[in-house]
């Protein structure tokens, strides 16, 4: 086996180890978070998602799965990725208000029946913290998917909020696991709303 092949094998082995750990550690939290997402959708609320950097890809994937379909055709479900609007995002940043990138949008369109989904792949970020604070001001529930345990964000969460935290993984190791979590959430949403 070549050195490159050994490296590839190690990448896969490490991934499988992280998947196994995440499955046993996060299953109850995923189930509870899916209940919160379902409750939001069944009470005529919408899901607002936000994330920075590469995690924004995961936020867009989640919203696309709800707006279009996951595994099966079904009615569209309301989900908005706040990071998908590059024009608004860059305008807020241009005015030197990076920390307001998501909070301004949550304040403008969030309502008490809505839910804020925050995906964090590398610890805390000030703009995500501000979005959570505004969501709470708007009486919204918050669900956090995090690559790390016990971040600054954890201390902000209210009893009715939910956190699915991985075991302090680097962003490159966390991203595929967070995608698996999102797939599990999407599958549970479809099952709990529409049945098998």
Protein backbone atom coordinates (compact mmCIF):
# COMPACT_ATOMS: atom_id res chain seq x y z
CA UNK A 1 0.00 0.00 0.00
CA UNK A 2 1.38 3.40 -0.99
CA UNK A 3 1.78 6.30 1.43
CA UNK A 4 -1.10 8.10 -0.28
CA UNK A 5 -3.33 5.05 0.03
CA UNK A 6 -2.48 4.77 3.72
CA UNK A 7 -3.38 8.42 4.17
CA UNK A 8 -6.71 7.88 2.42
CA UNK A 9 -7.42 4.82 4.58
CA UNK A 10 -6.68 6.88 7.71
CA UNK A 11 -9.06 9.63 6.55
CA UNK A 12 -11.88 7.11 6.12
CA UNK A 13 -11.10 5.32 9.39
CA UNK A 14 -11.05 8.59 11.30
CA UNK A 15 -14.36 9.61 9.74
CA UNK A 16 -16.00 6.32 10.69
CA UNK A 17 -14.77 6.71 14.27
CA UNK A 18 -16.22 10.25 14.46
CA UNK A 19 -19.52 9.04 12.98
CA UNK A 20 -19.83 6.28 15.57
CA UNK A 21 -19.11 8.66 18.44
CA UNK A 22 -21.54 11.27 17.12
CA UNK A 23 -24.34 8.74 16.60
CA UNK A 24 -24.29 7.57 20.19
CA UNK A 25 -23.71 11.02 21.70
CA UNK A 26 -26.21 13.07 19.69
CA UNK A 27 -29.18 10.80 18.89
CA UNK A 28 -31.37 12.05 21.78
CA UNK A 29 -30.55 15.69 20.98
CA UNK A 30 -31.31 15.17 17.28
CA UNK A 31 -34.70 13.67 18.15
CA UNK A 32 -35.61 16.57 20.47
CA UNK A 33 -34.41 19.17 17.95
CA UNK A 34 -36.49 17.51 15.22
CA UNK A 35 -39.55 17.84 17.47
CA UNK A 36 -38.88 21.58 17.79
CA UNK A 37 -38.49 21.93 14.02
CA UNK A 38 -41.68 19.96 13.38
CA UNK A 39 -43.60 21.98 15.95
CA UNK A 40 -42.50 25.20 14.23
CA UNK A 41 -43.63 23.95 10.84
CA UNK A 42 -46.97 22.63 12.14
CA UNK A 43 -47.78 25.93 13.86
CA UNK A 44 -47.34 27.95 10.65
CA UNK A 45 -43.84 29.09 11.52
CA UNK A 46 -40.77 29.20 9.33
CA UNK A 47 -37.18 28.16 9.91
CA UNK A 48 -34.47 30.77 9.53
CA UNK A 49 -30.99 29.29 9.16
CA UNK A 50 -27.62 30.98 9.49
CA UNK A 51 -23.98 29.95 9.43
CA UNK A 52 -20.58 31.35 8.50
CA UNK A 53 -18.09 30.20 5.89
CA UNK A 54 -18.26 26.58 4.78
CA UNK A 55 -21.04 25.87 7.29
CA UNK A 56 -23.25 28.15 5.19
CA UNK A 57 -23.25 25.38 2.58
CA UNK A 58 -24.89 23.13 5.16
CA UNK A 59 -27.48 25.81 5.97
CA UNK A 60 -28.33 26.10 2.28
CA UNK A 61 -28.51 22.32 1.89
CA UNK A 62 -30.96 22.10 4.82
CA UNK A 63 -33.18 24.88 3.44
CA UNK A 64 -33.15 23.36 -0.04
CA UNK A 65 -34.17 19.97 1.38
CA UNK A 66 -37.15 21.61 3.11
CA UNK A 67 -38.18 23.93 0.31
CA UNK A 68 -37.88 21.32 -2.43
CA UNK A 69 -37.71 17.74 -1.17
CA UNK A 70 -35.53 15.43 0.86
CA UNK A 71 -36.06 11.79 -0.17
CA UNK A 72 -39.64 11.96 -1.41
CA UNK A 73 -41.96 14.46 -3.05
CA UNK A 74 -44.06 16.37 -0.55
CA UNK A 75 -45.31 19.93 -0.06
CA UNK A 76 -42.67 22.62 0.33
CA UNK A 77 -41.74 23.56 3.89
CA UNK A 78 -40.77 27.18 4.76
CA UNK A 79 -37.03 27.57 5.38
CA UNK A 80 -34.81 30.56 4.59
CA UNK A 81 -31.01 30.58 4.61
CA UNK A 82 -30.11 34.06 5.82
CA UNK A 83 -26.63 33.68 4.34
CA UNK A 84 -27.86 33.03 0.81
CA UNK A 85 -28.52 36.69 0.00
CA UNK A 86 -25.03 37.85 -0.92
CA UNK A 87 -26.17 41.37 -1.82
CA UNK A 88 -27.75 42.11 1.56
CA UNK A 89 -24.91 40.35 3.38
CA UNK A 90 -22.25 42.41 1.60
CA UNK A 91 -24.20 45.65 2.09
CA UNK A 92 -24.34 45.10 5.85
CA UNK A 93 -20.62 44.24 5.90
CA UNK A 94 -19.79 47.27 3.74
CA UNK A 95 -21.28 49.47 6.43
CA UNK A 96 -18.87 47.87 8.94
CA UNK A 97 -21.64 45.96 10.68
CA UNK A 98 -20.44 42.39 10.23
CA UNK A 99 -21.78 41.39 13.64
CA UNK A 100 -25.26 42.46 12.44
CA UNK A 101 -25.25 40.31 9.30
CA UNK A 102 -27.86 37.87 10.58
CA UNK A 103 -29.41 39.74 13.51
CA UNK A 104 -30.79 42.50 11.26
CA UNK A 105 -32.52 39.89 9.12
CA UNK A 106 -33.88 37.99 12.13
CA UNK A 107 -35.23 41.24 13.57
CA UNK A 108 -36.85 42.14 10.24
CA UNK A 109 -38.55 38.83 9.39
CA UNK A 110 -38.53 36.67 12.52
CA UNK A 111 -41.70 36.18 14.56
CA UNK A 112 -42.51 34.25 17.76
CA UNK A 113 -43.69 31.12 15.93
CA UNK A 114 -40.42 30.89 13.96
CA UNK A 115 -37.23 28.98 14.75
CA UNK A 116 -33.62 30.00 14.24
CA UNK A 117 -31.25 27.21 13.18
CA UNK A 118 -27.59 28.11 13.79
CA UNK A 119 -24.78 25.96 12.39
CA UNK A 120 -21.33 26.54 13.91
CA UNK A 121 -18.35 24.58 12.62
CA UNK A 122 -15.54 26.40 14.46
CA UNK A 123 -16.63 27.65 17.85
CA UNK A 124 -18.39 30.92 18.58
CA UNK A 125 -18.87 33.86 16.24
CA UNK A 126 -20.14 37.29 17.25
CA UNK A 127 -22.64 37.55 14.38
CA UNK A 128 -24.21 34.20 15.30
CA UNK A 129 -24.39 35.20 18.95
CA UNK A 130 -26.19 38.42 18.02
CA UNK A 131 -28.63 36.49 15.81
CA UNK A 132 -29.47 34.21 18.76
CA UNK A 133 -29.98 37.20 21.05
CA UNK A 134 -32.37 38.83 18.57
CA UNK A 135 -34.21 35.53 18.06
CA UNK A 136 -34.78 35.40 21.81
CA UNK A 137 -35.96 39.03 21.74
CA UNK A 138 -38.46 37.95 19.07
CA UNK A 139 -39.50 34.97 21.26
CA UNK A 140 -38.19 32.45 18.75
CA UNK A 141 -36.89 28.98 19.58
CA UNK A 142 -33.22 28.34 18.70
CA UNK A 143 -31.59 25.10 17.54
CA UNK A 144 -27.79 25.03 17.36
CA UNK A 145 -25.69 22.47 15.49
CA UNK A 146 -22.12 22.83 16.73
CA UNK A 147 -18.79 21.18 16.06
CA UNK A 148 -17.74 21.98 19.62
CA UNK A 149 -19.18 21.47 23.08
CA UNK A 150 -19.65 24.23 25.64
CA UNK A 151 -18.98 27.30 23.48
CA UNK A 152 -20.07 30.86 24.23
CA UNK A 153 -23.25 30.04 22.32
CA UNK A 154 -24.18 27.25 24.75
CA UNK A 155 -24.47 29.73 27.61
CA UNK A 156 -26.97 31.82 25.62
CA UNK A 157 -29.49 29.06 25.10
CA UNK A 158 -32.82 29.07 26.91
CA UNK A 159 -34.43 25.92 28.38
CA UNK A 160 -36.73 25.57 25.33
CA UNK A 161 -33.76 25.77 22.91
CA UNK A 162 -31.80 22.78 21.63
CA UNK A 163 -28.13 22.12 20.96
CA UNK A 164 -26.61 19.24 19.04
CA UNK A 165 -22.90 19.42 19.84
CA UNK A 166 -20.16 17.22 18.45
CA UNK A 167 -17.07 16.23 20.39
CA UNK A 168 -14.88 19.29 19.68
CA UNK A 169 -14.07 18.41 16.08
CA UNK A 170 -12.11 20.55 13.65
CA UNK A 171 -14.22 22.14 10.89
CA UNK A 172 -12.93 19.67 8.28
CA UNK A 173 -13.86 16.70 10.47
CA UNK A 174 -17.11 18.25 11.66
CA UNK A 175 -18.60 19.16 8.27
CA UNK A 176 -19.44 15.62 7.09
CA UNK A 177 -20.82 14.75 10.54
CA UNK A 178 -22.95 17.91 10.61
CA UNK A 179 -24.26 16.90 7.17
CA UNK A 180 -25.28 13.52 8.61
CA UNK A 181 -27.06 15.33 11.46
CA UNK A 182 -28.89 17.53 8.96
CA UNK A 183 -29.90 14.48 6.93
CA UNK A 184 -31.24 12.84 10.10
CA UNK A 185 -33.21 16.00 10.94
CA UNK A 186 -34.67 16.19 7.42
CA UNK A 187 -35.63 12.53 7.50
CA UNK A 188 -37.30 12.92 10.91
CA UNK A 189 -39.17 16.05 9.79
CA UNK A 190 -40.59 14.18 6.78
CA UNK A 191 -41.48 11.15 8.92
CA UNK A 192 -43.11 13.13 11.72
CA UNK A 193 -45.13 15.39 9.42
CA UNK A 194 -45.93 13.19 6.45
CA UNK A 195 -45.38 9.61 7.66
CA UNK A 196 -43.34 6.94 5.90
